[in-house]
Amino acid sequence: MSTNRNLVALAMLCSGLWVAPAAWIINTQLGQILPYLDCQHHARYSAIVSFAGAVAAGLAGAISWRSGGRAAIVEQSPATSGFVGSMSALTAIVFVFALLMQGMASLVLSGCER
């Protein structure tokens, strides 16, 4: 049972390191496809996906931050857990910024420009 708890705690600590980049990668790939749909349907699917990815990355960063603080209190190696949680949260912040900038660009450009 404690092995499962340790795995869940580790996943929560590192969530900012893998959820935020995954959201950015997915958004970058959809950024190649969605502008055509944006132009055809006169919608802002690119912006919606970018902002949804920013929210997901922000939540992952918050989970990492809270887990780092909680694990630093409970575990024997508080410095390591605190560092991993903080690094994951800061990494998520960088990707949130990138996703927000991509979302803003999607709002400015309609997808019909060539």
PDB file of N, CA and C in Angstrom:
ATOM      1  N   MET A   1       0.811  -1.191   0.000  1.00  0.00           N
ATOM      2  CA  MET A   1       0.000   0.000   0.000  1.00  0.00           C
ATOM      3  C   MET A   1       0.855   1.255   0.000  1.00  0.00           C
ATOM      4  N   SER A   2       1.968   1.222   0.726  1.00  0.00           N
ATOM      5  CA  SER A   2       2.807   2.413   0.766  1.00  0.00           C
ATOM      6  C   SER A   2       3.509   2.650  -0.568  1.00  0.00           C
ATOM      7  N   THR A   3       3.714   1.581  -1.346  1.00  0.00           N
ATOM      8  CA  THR A   3       4.313   1.759  -2.665  1.00  0.00           C
ATOM      9  C   THR A   3       3.385   2.544  -3.571  1.00  0.00           C
ATOM     10  N   ASN A   4       2.088   2.256  -3.509  1.00  0.00           N
ATOM     11  CA  ASN A   4       1.121   2.998  -4.312  1.00  0.00           C
ATOM     12  C   ASN A   4       1.070   4.463  -3.884  1.00  0.00           C
ATOM     13  N   ARG A   5       1.118   4.694  -2.580  1.00  0.00           N
ATOM     14  CA  ARG A   5       1.122   6.074  -2.096  1.00  0.00           C
ATOM     15  C   ARG A   5       2.355   6.817  -2.556  1.00  0.00           C
ATOM     16  N   ASN A   6       3.503   6.129  -2.546  1.00  0.00           N
ATOM     17  CA  ASN A   6       4.742   6.765  -2.999  1.00  0.00           C
ATOM     18  C   ASN A   6       4.684   7.096  -4.481  1.00  0.00           C
ATOM     19  N   LEU A   7       4.099   6.205  -5.271  1.00  0.00           N
ATOM     20  CA  LEU A   7       3.982   6.460  -6.703  1.00  0.00           C
ATOM     21  C   LEU A   7       3.036   7.624  -6.989  1.00  0.00           C
ATOM     22  N   VAL A   8       1.940   7.692  -6.251  1.00  0.00           N
ATOM     23  CA  VAL A   8       0.990   8.790  -6.424  1.00  0.00           C
ATOM     24  C   VAL A   8       1.640  10.100  -6.007  1.00  0.00           C
ATOM     25  N   ALA A   9       2.380  10.072  -4.885  1.00  0.00           N
ATOM     26  CA  ALA A   9       3.059  11.290  -4.423  1.00  0.00           C
ATOM     27  C   ALA A   9       4.101  11.744  -5.439  1.00  0.00           C
ATOM     28  N   LEU A  10       4.838  10.802  -6.016  1.00  0.00           N
ATOM     29  CA  LEU A  10       5.843  11.150  -7.027  1.00  0.00           C
ATOM     30  C   LEU A  10       5.183  11.694  -8.284  1.00  0.00           C
ATOM     31  N   ALA A  11       4.077  11.094  -8.698  1.00  0.00           N
ATOM     32  CA  ALA A  11       3.362  11.585  -9.879  1.00  0.00           C
ATOM     33  C   ALA A  11       2.827  12.992  -9.649  1.00  0.00           C
ATOM     34  N   MET A  12       2.336  13.255  -8.439  1.00  0.00           N
ATOM     35  CA  MET A  12       1.839  14.592  -8.139  1.00  0.00           C
ATOM     36  C   MET A  12       2.983  15.602  -8.071  1.00  0.00           C
ATOM     37  N   LEU A  13       4.127  15.183  -7.533  1.00  0.00           N
ATOM     38  CA  LEU A  13       5.286  16.077  -7.485  1.00  0.00           C
ATOM     39  C   LEU A  13       5.754  16.458  -8.882  1.00  0.00           C
ATOM     40  N   CYS A  14       5.749  15.497  -9.778  1.00  0.00           N
ATOM     41  CA  CYS A  14       6.301  15.714 -11.121  1.00  0.00           C
ATOM     42  C   CYS A  14       5.246  16.080 -12.151  1.00  0.00           C
ATOM     43  N   SER A  15       4.021  16.322 -11.744  1.00  0.00           N
ATOM     44  CA  SER A  15       2.961  16.594 -12.722  1.00  0.00           C
ATOM     45  C   SER A  15       3.247  17.847 -13.546  1.00  0.00           C
ATOM     46  N   GLY A  16       3.858  18.848 -12.959  1.00  0.00           N
ATOM     47  CA  GLY A  16       4.202  20.048 -13.715  1.00  0.00           C
ATOM     48  C   GLY A  16       5.267  19.792 -14.767  1.00  0.00           C
ATOM     49  N   LEU A  17       6.084  18.764 -14.545  1.00  0.00           N
ATOM     50  CA  LEU A  17       7.146  18.434 -15.501  1.00  0.00           C
ATOM     51  C   LEU A  17       6.651  17.644 -16.694  1.00  0.00           C
ATOM     52  N   TRP A  18       5.511  16.974 -16.577  1.00  0.00           N
ATOM     53  CA  TRP A  18       5.066  16.204 -17.734  1.00  0.00           C
ATOM     54  C   TRP A  18       3.723  16.648 -18.279  1.00  0.00           C
ATOM     55  N   VAL A  19       2.846  17.206 -17.484  1.00  0.00           N
ATOM     56  CA  VAL A  19       1.554  17.659 -18.014  1.00  0.00           C
ATOM     57  C   VAL A  19       1.719  18.948 -18.818  1.00  0.00           C
ATOM     58  N   ALA A  20       2.467  19.899 -18.281  1.00  0.00           N
ATOM     59  CA  ALA A  20       2.621  21.186 -18.971  1.00  0.00           C
ATOM     60  C   ALA A  20       3.320  21.051 -20.325  1.00  0.00           C
ATOM     61  N   PRO A  21       4.458  20.335 -20.418  1.00  0.00           N
ATOM     62  CA  PRO A  21       5.044  20.159 -21.750  1.00  0.00           C
ATOM     63  C   PRO A  21       4.156  19.364 -22.698  1.00  0.00           C
ATOM     64  N   ALA A  22       3.420  18.388 -22.156  1.00  0.00           N
ATOM     65  CA  ALA A  22       2.515  17.609 -23.013  1.00  0.00           C
ATOM     66  C   ALA A  22       1.409  18.501 -23.567  1.00  0.00           C
ATOM     67  N   ALA A  23       0.879  19.395 -22.744  1.00  0.00           N
ATOM     68  CA  ALA A  23      -0.148  20.326 -23.228  1.00  0.00           C
ATOM     69  C   ALA A  23       0.415  21.245 -24.299  1.00  0.00           C
ATOM     70  N   TRP A  24       1.645  21.694 -24.126  1.00  0.00           N
ATOM     71  CA  TRP A  24       2.267  22.570 -25.116  1.00  0.00           C
ATOM     72  C   TRP A  24       2.537  21.819 -26.421  1.00  0.00           C
ATOM     73  N   ILE A  25       2.994  20.578 -26.314  1.00  0.00           N
ATOM     74  CA  ILE A  25       3.261  19.772 -27.515  1.00  0.00           C
ATOM     75  C   ILE A  25       1.967  19.540 -28.293  1.00  0.00           C
ATOM     76  N   ILE A  26       0.907  19.173 -27.586  1.00  0.00           N
ATOM     77  CA  ILE A  26      -0.383  18.950 -28.248  1.00  0.00           C
ATOM     78  C   ILE A  26      -0.883  20.233 -28.892  1.00  0.00           C
ATOM     79  N   ASN A  27      -0.731  21.354 -28.187  1.00  0.00           N
ATOM     80  CA  ASN A  27      -1.168  22.632 -28.737  1.00  0.00           C
ATOM     81  C   ASN A  27      -0.351  23.021 -29.972  1.00  0.00           C
ATOM     82  N   THR A  28       0.932  22.743 -29.939  1.00  0.00           N
ATOM     83  CA  THR A  28       1.778  23.064 -31.092  1.00  0.00           C
ATOM     84  C   THR A  28       1.373  22.228 -32.307  1.00  0.00           C
ATOM     85  N   GLN A  29       1.075  20.955 -32.088  1.00  0.00           N
ATOM     86  CA  GLN A  29       0.656  20.115 -33.206  1.00  0.00           C
ATOM     87  C   GLN A  29      -0.716  20.525 -33.735  1.00  0.00           C
ATOM     88  N   LEU A  30      -1.631  20.838 -32.827  1.00  0.00           N
ATOM     89  CA  LEU A  30      -2.950  21.296 -33.272  1.00  0.00           C
ATOM     90  C   LEU A  30      -2.867  22.681 -33.918  1.00  0.00           C
ATOM     91  N   GLY A  31      -1.834  23.435 -33.593  1.00  0.00           N
ATOM     92  CA  GLY A  31      -1.635  24.739 -34.224  1.00  0.00           C
ATOM     93  C   GLY A  31      -1.323  24.633 -35.707  1.00  0.00           C
ATOM     94  N   GLN A  32      -0.943  23.455 -36.164  1.00  0.00           N
ATOM     95  CA  GLN A  32      -0.719  23.231 -37.590  1.00  0.00           C
ATOM     96  C   GLN A  32      -2.017  22.870 -38.312  1.00  0.00           C
ATOM     97  N   ILE A  33      -2.988  22.372 -37.567  1.00  0.00           N
ATOM     98  CA  ILE A  33      -4.226  21.870 -38.155  1.00  0.00           C
ATOM     99  C   ILE A  33      -5.385  22.850 -38.001  1.00  0.00           C
ATOM    100  N   LEU A  34      -5.545  23.391 -36.814  1.00  0.00           N
ATOM    101  CA  LEU A  34      -6.736  24.176 -36.488  1.00  0.00           C
ATOM    102  C   LEU A  34      -6.890  25.497 -37.233  1.00  0.00           C
ATOM    103  N   PRO A  35      -5.822  26.168 -37.680  1.00  0.00           N
ATOM    104  CA  PRO A  35      -6.063  27.410 -38.424  1.00  0.00           C
ATOM    105  C   PRO A  35      -6.916  27.219 -39.670  1.00  0.00           C
ATOM    106  N   TYR A  36      -6.823  26.070 -40.315  1.00  0.00           N
ATOM    107  CA  TYR A  36      -7.669  25.811 -41.476  1.00  0.00           C
ATOM    108  C   TYR A  36      -9.139  25.720 -41.065  1.00  0.00           C
ATOM    109  N   LEU A  37      -9.393  25.062 -39.935  1.00  0.00           N
ATOM    110  CA  LEU A  37     -10.774  24.994 -39.434  1.00  0.00           C
ATOM    111  C   LEU A  37     -11.252  26.348 -38.942  1.00  0.00           C
ATOM    112  N   ASP A  38     -10.352  27.119 -38.338  1.00  0.00           N
ATOM    113  CA  ASP A  38     -10.713  28.468 -37.893  1.00  0.00           C
ATOM    114  C   ASP A  38     -11.167  29.325 -39.072  1.00  0.00           C
ATOM    115  N   CYS A  39     -10.471  29.203 -40.178  1.00  0.00           N
ATOM    116  CA  CYS A  39     -10.808  30.006 -41.355  1.00  0.00           C
ATOM    117  C   CYS A  39     -12.116  29.524 -41.990  1.00  0.00           C
ATOM    118  N   GLN A  40     -12.300  28.209 -42.077  1.00  0.00           N
ATOM    119  CA  GLN A  40     -13.500  27.675 -42.715  1.00  0.00           C
ATOM    120  C   GLN A  40     -14.765  27.969 -41.915  1.00  0.00           C
ATOM    121  N   HIS A  41     -14.681  27.839 -40.598  1.00  0.00           N
ATOM    122  CA  HIS A  41     -15.878  27.954 -39.761  1.00  0.00           C
ATOM    123  C   HIS A  41     -15.990  29.304 -39.060  1.00  0.00           C
ATOM    124  N   HIS A  42     -15.024  30.177 -39.302  1.00  0.00           N
ATOM    125  CA  HIS A  42     -14.984  31.495 -38.645  1.00  0.00           C
ATOM    126  C   HIS A  42     -15.128  31.350 -37.132  1.00  0.00           C
ATOM    127  N   ALA A  43     -14.313  30.446 -36.582  1.00  0.00           N
ATOM    128  CA  ALA A  43     -14.328  30.176 -35.142  1.00  0.00           C
ATOM    129  C   ALA A  43     -12.921  30.385 -34.598  1.00  0.00           C
ATOM    130  N   ARG A  44     -12.760  30.211 -33.325  1.00  0.00           N
ATOM    131  CA  ARG A  44     -11.467  30.393 -32.656  1.00  0.00           C
ATOM    132  C   ARG A  44     -11.072  29.115 -31.916  1.00  0.00           C
ATOM    133  N   TYR A  45     -11.063  28.000 -32.632  1.00  0.00           N
ATOM    134  CA  TYR A  45     -10.705  26.735 -32.010  1.00  0.00           C
ATOM    135  C   TYR A  45      -9.264  26.749 -31.503  1.00  0.00           C
ATOM    136  N   SER A  46      -8.372  27.399 -32.218  1.00  0.00           N
ATOM    137  CA  SER A  46      -6.968  27.463 -31.807  1.00  0.00           C
ATOM    138  C   SER A  46      -6.824  28.157 -30.465  1.00  0.00           C
ATOM    139  N   ALA A  47      -7.543  29.240 -30.281  1.00  0.00           N
ATOM    140  CA  ALA A  47      -7.471  29.972 -29.018  1.00  0.00           C
ATOM    141  C   ALA A  47      -8.069  29.148 -27.886  1.00  0.00           C
ATOM    142  N   ILE A  48      -9.159  28.458 -28.145  1.00  0.00           N
ATOM    143  CA  ILE A  48      -9.796  27.638 -27.115  1.00  0.00           C
ATOM    144  C   ILE A  48      -8.850  26.539 -26.650  1.00  0.00           C
ATOM    145  N   VAL A  49      -8.200  25.871 -27.600  1.00  0.00           N
ATOM    146  CA  VAL A  49      -7.267  24.796 -27.260  1.00  0.00           C
ATOM    147  C   VAL A  49      -6.073  25.356 -26.492  1.00  0.00           C
ATOM    148  N   SER A  50      -5.566  26.518 -26.905  1.00  0.00           N
ATOM    149  CA  SER A  50      -4.415  27.118 -26.223  1.00  0.00           C
ATOM    150  C   SER A  50      -4.748  27.487 -24.790  1.00  0.00           C
ATOM    151  N   PHE A  51      -5.889  28.105 -24.581  1.00  0.00           N
ATOM    152  CA  PHE A  51      -6.257  28.508 -23.226  1.00  0.00           C
ATOM    153  C   PHE A  51      -6.614  27.304 -22.351  1.00  0.00           C
ATOM    154  N   ALA A  52      -7.204  26.274 -22.941  1.00  0.00           N
ATOM    155  CA  ALA A  52      -7.477  25.050 -22.180  1.00  0.00           C
ATOM    156  C   ALA A  52      -6.165  24.375 -21.770  1.00  0.00           C
ATOM    157  N   GLY A  53      -5.189  24.382 -22.657  1.00  0.00           N
ATOM    158  CA  GLY A  53      -3.874  23.844 -22.318  1.00  0.00           C
ATOM    159  C   GLY A  53      -3.189  24.649 -21.231  1.00  0.00           C
ATOM    160  N   ALA A  54      -3.367  25.971 -21.262  1.00  0.00           N
ATOM    161  CA  ALA A  54      -2.789  26.823 -20.219  1.00  0.00           C
ATOM    162  C   ALA A  54      -3.425  26.527 -18.865  1.00  0.00           C
ATOM    163  N   VAL A  55      -4.725  26.288 -18.860  1.00  0.00           N
ATOM    164  CA  VAL A  55      -5.402  25.945 -17.608  1.00  0.00           C
ATOM    165  C   VAL A  55      -4.899  24.602 -17.087  1.00  0.00           C
ATOM    166  N   ALA A  56      -4.760  23.620 -17.973  1.00  0.00           N
ATOM    167  CA  ALA A  56      -4.267  22.303 -17.562  1.00  0.00           C
ATOM    168  C   ALA A  56      -2.839  22.398 -17.023  1.00  0.00           C
ATOM    169  N   ALA A  57      -2.002  23.175 -17.691  1.00  0.00           N
ATOM    170  CA  ALA A  57      -0.622  23.341 -17.225  1.00  0.00           C
ATOM    171  C   ALA A  57      -0.582  24.086 -15.894  1.00  0.00           C
ATOM    172  N   GLY A  58      -1.442  25.075 -15.728  1.00  0.00           N
ATOM    173  CA  GLY A  58      -1.503  25.801 -14.464  1.00  0.00           C
ATOM    174  C   GLY A  58      -1.956  24.914 -13.315  1.00  0.00           C
ATOM    175  N   LEU A  59      -2.950  24.075 -13.566  1.00  0.00           N
ATOM    176  CA  LEU A  59      -3.402  23.141 -12.532  1.00  0.00           C
ATOM    177  C   LEU A  59      -2.305  22.140 -12.169  1.00  0.00           C
ATOM    178  N   ALA A  60      -1.582  21.670 -13.166  1.00  0.00           N
ATOM    179  CA  ALA A  60      -0.479  20.743 -12.892  1.00  0.00           C
ATOM    180  C   ALA A  60       0.612  21.424 -12.070  1.00  0.00           C
ATOM    181  N   GLY A  61       0.887  22.682 -12.369  1.00  0.00           N
ATOM    182  CA  GLY A  61       1.868  23.421 -11.585  1.00  0.00           C
ATOM    183  C   GLY A  61       1.419  23.623 -10.152  1.00  0.00           C
ATOM    184  N   ALA A  62       0.141  23.912  -9.960  1.00  0.00           N
ATOM    185  CA  ALA A  62      -0.391  24.078  -8.609  1.00  0.00           C
ATOM    186  C   ALA A  62      -0.341  22.772  -7.825  1.00  0.00           C
ATOM    187  N   ILE A  63      -0.634  21.672  -8.492  1.00  0.00           N
ATOM    188  CA  ILE A  63      -0.550  20.366  -7.834  1.00  0.00           C
ATOM    189  C   ILE A  63       0.883  20.069  -7.428  1.00  0.00           C
ATOM    190  N   SER A  64       1.830  20.362  -8.308  1.00  0.00           N
ATOM    191  CA  SER A  64       3.240  20.146  -7.981  1.00  0.00           C
ATOM    192  C   SER A  64       3.671  21.012  -6.803  1.00  0.00           C
ATOM    193  N   TRP A  65       3.266  22.260  -6.807  1.00  0.00           N
ATOM    194  CA  TRP A  65       3.646  23.180  -5.741  1.00  0.00           C
ATOM    195  C   TRP A  65       3.103  22.704  -4.392  1.00  0.00           C
ATOM    196  N   ARG A  66       1.823  22.348  -4.369  1.00  0.00           N
ATOM    197  CA  ARG A  66       1.205  21.889  -3.124  1.00  0.00           C
ATOM    198  C   ARG A  66       1.788  20.552  -2.670  1.00  0.00           C
ATOM    199  N   SER A  67       2.077  19.672  -3.595  1.00  0.00           N
ATOM    200  CA  SER A  67       2.647  18.376  -3.240  1.00  0.00           C
ATOM    201  C   SER A  67       4.069  18.523  -2.727  1.00  0.00           C
ATOM    202  N   GLY A  68       4.810  19.456  -3.281  1.00  0.00           N
ATOM    203  CA  GLY A  68       6.165  19.699  -2.797  1.00  0.00           C
ATOM    204  C   GLY A  68       6.174  20.195  -1.370  1.00  0.00           C
ATOM    205  N   GLY A  69       5.267  21.080  -1.038  1.00  0.00           N
ATOM    206  CA  GLY A  69       5.177  21.563   0.329  1.00  0.00           C
ATOM    207  C   GLY A  69       4.711  20.495   1.293  1.00  0.00           C
ATOM    208  N   ARG A  70       3.757  19.690   0.859  1.00  0.00           N
ATOM    209  CA  ARG A  70       3.227  18.620   1.711  1.00  0.00           C
ATOM    210  C   ARG A  70       4.261  17.519   1.911  1.00  0.00           C
ATOM    211  N   ALA A  71       4.976  17.150   0.835  1.00  0.00           N
ATOM    212  CA  ALA A  71       5.964  16.082   0.936  1.00  0.00           C
ATOM    213  C   ALA A  71       7.171  16.525   1.750  1.00  0.00           C
ATOM    214  N   ALA A  72       7.484  17.812   1.722  1.00  0.00           N
ATOM    215  CA  ALA A  72       8.609  18.308   2.506  1.00  0.00           C
ATOM    216  C   ALA A  72       8.326  18.185   3.998  1.00  0.00           C
ATOM    217  N   ILE A  73       7.071  18.236   4.389  1.00  0.00           N
ATOM    218  CA  ILE A  73       6.718  18.113   5.805  1.00  0.00           C
ATOM    219  C   ILE A  73       6.726  16.655   6.241  1.00  0.00           C
ATOM    220  N   VAL A  74       6.252  15.754   5.373  1.00  0.00           N
ATOM    221  CA  VAL A  74       6.041  14.365   5.756  1.00  0.00           C
ATOM    222  C   VAL A  74       7.283  13.501   5.594  1.00  0.00           C
ATOM    223  N   GLU A  75       8.029  13.650   4.516  1.00  0.00           N
ATOM    224  CA  GLU A  75       9.105  12.724   4.176  1.00  0.00           C
ATOM    225  C   GLU A  75      10.388  12.994   4.943  1.00  0.00           C
ATOM    226  N   GLN A  76      11.327  12.059   4.775  1.00  0.00           N
ATOM    227  CA  GLN A  76      12.618  12.194   5.423  1.00  0.00           C
ATOM    228  C   GLN A  76      13.547  13.138   4.671  1.00  0.00           C
ATOM    229  N   SER A  77      13.352  13.282   3.368  1.00  0.00           N
ATOM    230  CA  SER A  77      14.214  14.160   2.567  1.00  0.00           C
ATOM    231  C   SER A  77      13.408  15.371   2.107  1.00  0.00           C
ATOM    232  N   PRO A  78      13.186  16.331   2.988  1.00  0.00           N
ATOM    233  CA  PRO A  78      12.323  17.461   2.630  1.00  0.00           C
ATOM    234  C   PRO A  78      12.931  18.373   1.569  1.00  0.00           C
ATOM    235  N   ALA A  79      14.262  18.451   1.541  1.00  0.00           N
ATOM    236  CA  ALA A  79      14.897  19.340   0.572  1.00  0.00           C
ATOM    237  C   ALA A  79      14.679  18.841  -0.854  1.00  0.00           C
ATOM    238  N   THR A  80      14.814  17.543  -1.051  1.00  0.00           N
ATOM    239  CA  THR A  80      14.648  16.975  -2.391  1.00  0.00           C
ATOM    240  C   THR A  80      13.209  17.115  -2.872  1.00  0.00           C
ATOM    241  N   SER A  81      12.258  16.776  -2.025  1.00  0.00           N
ATOM    242  CA  SER A  81      10.854  16.872  -2.412  1.00  0.00           C
ATOM    243  C   SER A  81      10.445  18.318  -2.675  1.00  0.00           C
ATOM    244  N   GLY A  82      10.908  19.208  -1.824  1.00  0.00           N
ATOM    245  CA  GLY A  82      10.601  20.622  -2.024  1.00  0.00           C
ATOM    246  C   GLY A  82      11.193  21.148  -3.311  1.00  0.00           C
ATOM    247  N   PHE A  83      12.422  20.715  -3.625  1.00  0.00           N
ATOM    248  CA  PHE A  83      13.074  21.156  -4.860  1.00  0.00           C
ATOM    249  C   PHE A  83      12.335  20.636  -6.083  1.00  0.00           C
ATOM    250  N   VAL A  84      11.979  19.361  -6.073  1.00  0.00           N
ATOM    251  CA  VAL A  84      11.283  18.773  -7.228  1.00  0.00           C
ATOM    252  C   VAL A  84       9.928  19.439  -7.423  1.00  0.00           C
ATOM    253  N   GLY A  85       9.195  19.662  -6.336  1.00  0.00           N
ATOM    254  CA  GLY A  85       7.901  20.322  -6.446  1.00  0.00           C
ATOM    255  C   GLY A  85       8.019  21.742  -6.959  1.00  0.00           C
ATOM    256  N   SER A  86       9.001  22.475  -6.460  1.00  0.00           N
ATOM    257  CA  SER A  86       9.205  23.857  -6.904  1.00  0.00           C
ATOM    258  C   SER A  86       9.654  23.916  -8.361  1.00  0.00           C
ATOM    259  N   MET A  87      10.567  23.020  -8.733  1.00  0.00           N
ATOM    260  CA  MET A  87      11.041  22.999 -10.111  1.00  0.00           C
ATOM    261  C   MET A  87       9.903  22.632 -11.072  1.00  0.00           C
ATOM    262  N   SER A  88       9.063  21.688 -10.675  1.00  0.00           N
ATOM    263  CA  SER A  88       7.922  21.307 -11.508  1.00  0.00           C
ATOM    264  C   SER A  88       6.946  22.467 -11.659  1.00  0.00           C
ATOM    265  N   ALA A  89       6.703  23.185 -10.569  1.00  0.00           N
ATOM    266  CA  ALA A  89       5.783  24.320 -10.626  1.00  0.00           C
ATOM    267  C   ALA A  89       6.335  25.435 -11.497  1.00  0.00           C
ATOM    268  N   LEU A  90       7.625  25.709 -11.383  1.00  0.00           N
ATOM    269  CA  LEU A  90       8.228  26.763 -12.200  1.00  0.00           C
ATOM    270  C   LEU A  90       8.269  26.381 -13.677  1.00  0.00           C
ATOM    271  N   THR A  91       8.504  25.110 -13.943  1.00  0.00           N
ATOM    272  CA  THR A  91       8.459  24.639 -15.332  1.00  0.00           C
ATOM    273  C   THR A  91       7.057  24.806 -15.901  1.00  0.00           C
ATOM    274  N   ALA A  92       6.054  24.490 -15.105  1.00  0.00           N
ATOM    275  CA  ALA A  92       4.671  24.647 -15.557  1.00  0.00           C
ATOM    276  C   ALA A  92       4.356  26.111 -15.839  1.00  0.00           C
ATOM    277  N   ILE A  93       4.891  27.026 -15.026  1.00  0.00           N
ATOM    278  CA  ILE A  93       4.660  28.458 -15.249  1.00  0.00           C
ATOM    279  C   ILE A  93       5.222  28.892 -16.596  1.00  0.00           C
ATOM    280  N   VAL A  94       6.392  28.383 -16.945  1.00  0.00           N
ATOM    281  CA  VAL A  94       6.992  28.728 -18.244  1.00  0.00           C
ATOM    282  C   VAL A  94       6.095  28.260 -19.383  1.00  0.00           C
ATOM    283  N   PHE A  95       5.564  27.043 -19.266  1.00  0.00           N
ATOM    284  CA  PHE A  95       4.697  26.530 -20.319  1.00  0.00           C
ATOM    285  C   PHE A  95       3.337  27.212 -20.329  1.00  0.00           C
ATOM    286  N   VAL A  96       2.843  27.627 -19.175  1.00  0.00           N
ATOM    287  CA  VAL A  96       1.600  28.406 -19.135  1.00  0.00           C
ATOM    288  C   VAL A  96       1.789  29.705 -19.898  1.00  0.00           C
ATOM    289  N   PHE A  97       2.926  30.361 -19.693  1.00  0.00           N
ATOM    290  CA  PHE A  97       3.203  31.599 -20.412  1.00  0.00           C
ATOM    291  C   PHE A  97       3.243  31.354 -21.920  1.00  0.00           C
ATOM    292  N   ALA A  98       3.925  30.290 -22.336  1.00  0.00           N
ATOM    293  CA  ALA A  98       3.995  29.978 -23.769  1.00  0.00           C
ATOM    294  C   ALA A  98       2.615  29.687 -24.345  1.00  0.00           C
ATOM    295  N   LEU A  99       1.799  28.947 -23.618  1.00  0.00           N
ATOM    296  CA  LEU A  99       0.451  28.636 -24.094  1.00  0.00           C
ATOM    297  C   LEU A  99      -0.425  29.883 -24.152  1.00  0.00           C
ATOM    298  N   LEU A 100      -0.277  30.762 -23.179  1.00  0.00           N
ATOM    299  CA  LEU A 100      -1.047  32.007 -23.208  1.00  0.00           C
ATOM    300  C   LEU A 100      -0.643  32.881 -24.399  1.00  0.00           C
ATOM    301  N   MET A 101       0.641  32.927 -24.700  1.00  0.00           N
ATOM    302  CA  MET A 101       1.087  33.713 -25.857  1.00  0.00           C
ATOM    303  C   MET A 101       0.584  33.103 -27.163  1.00  0.00           C
ATOM    304  N   GLN A 102       0.552  31.783 -27.251  1.00  0.00           N
ATOM    305  CA  GLN A 102       0.006  31.150 -28.442  1.00  0.00           C
ATOM    306  C   GLN A 102      -1.491  31.402 -28.548  1.00  0.00           C
ATOM    307  N   GLY A 103      -2.191  31.423 -27.425  1.00  0.00           N
ATOM    308  CA  GLY A 103      -3.615  31.729 -27.435  1.00  0.00           C
ATOM    309  C   GLY A 103      -3.887  33.156 -27.860  1.00  0.00           C
ATOM    310  N   MET A 104      -3.068  34.092 -27.372  1.00  0.00           N
ATOM    311  CA  MET A 104      -3.226  35.493 -27.779  1.00  0.00           C
ATOM    312  C   MET A 104      -2.964  35.660 -29.283  1.00  0.00           C
ATOM    313  N   ALA A 105      -1.965  34.962 -29.789  1.00  0.00           N
ATOM    314  CA  ALA A 105      -1.694  35.024 -31.229  1.00  0.00           C
ATOM    315  C   ALA A 105      -2.866  34.456 -32.024  1.00  0.00           C
ATOM    316  N   SER A 106      -3.505  33.429 -31.501  1.00  0.00           N
ATOM    317  CA  SER A 106      -4.674  32.850 -32.175  1.00  0.00           C
ATOM    318  C   SER A 106      -5.852  33.813 -32.186  1.00  0.00           C
ATOM    319  N   LEU A 107      -5.939  34.655 -31.173  1.00  0.00           N
ATOM    320  CA  LEU A 107      -7.015  35.649 -31.157  1.00  0.00           C
ATOM    321  C   LEU A 107      -6.756  36.784 -32.139  1.00  0.00           C
ATOM    322  N   VAL A 108      -5.476  37.132 -32.327  1.00  0.00           N
ATOM    323  CA  VAL A 108      -5.126  38.234 -33.215  1.00  0.00           C
ATOM    324  C   VAL A 108      -5.216  37.810 -34.676  1.00  0.00           C
ATOM    325  N   LEU A 109      -4.719  36.630 -34.980  1.00  0.00           N
ATOM    326  CA  LEU A 109      -4.715  36.121 -36.363  1.00  0.00           C
ATOM    327  C   LEU A 109      -5.885  35.152 -36.546  1.00  0.00           C
ATOM    328  N   SER A 110      -6.622  35.321 -37.610  1.00  0.00           N
ATOM    329  CA  SER A 110      -7.836  34.533 -37.821  1.00  0.00           C
ATOM    330  C   SER A 110      -7.581  33.169 -38.432  1.00  0.00           C
ATOM    331  N   GLY A 111      -6.446  32.933 -39.003  1.00  0.00           N
ATOM    332  CA  GLY A 111      -6.174  31.678 -39.685  1.00  0.00           C
ATOM    333  C   GLY A 111      -6.355  31.780 -41.186  1.00  0.00           C
ATOM    334  N   CYS A 112      -6.959  32.864 -41.658  1.00  0.00           N
ATOM    335  CA  CYS A 112      -7.179  33.056 -43.091  1.00  0.00           C
ATOM    336  C   CYS A 112      -6.047  33.840 -43.751  1.00  0.00           C
ATOM    337  N   GLU A 113      -5.092  34.315 -42.963  1.00  0.00           N
ATOM    338  CA  GLU A 113      -3.978  35.069 -43.552  1.00  0.00           C
ATOM    339  C   GLU A 113      -3.045  34.103 -44.278  1.00  0.00           C
ATOM    340  N   ARG A 114      -2.577  34.538 -45.424  1.00  0.00           N
ATOM    341  CA  ARG A 114      -1.623  33.710 -46.178  1.00  0.00           C
ATOM    342  C   ARG A 114      -0.561  34.597 -46.752  1.00  0.00           C
TER     343      ARG A 114
END
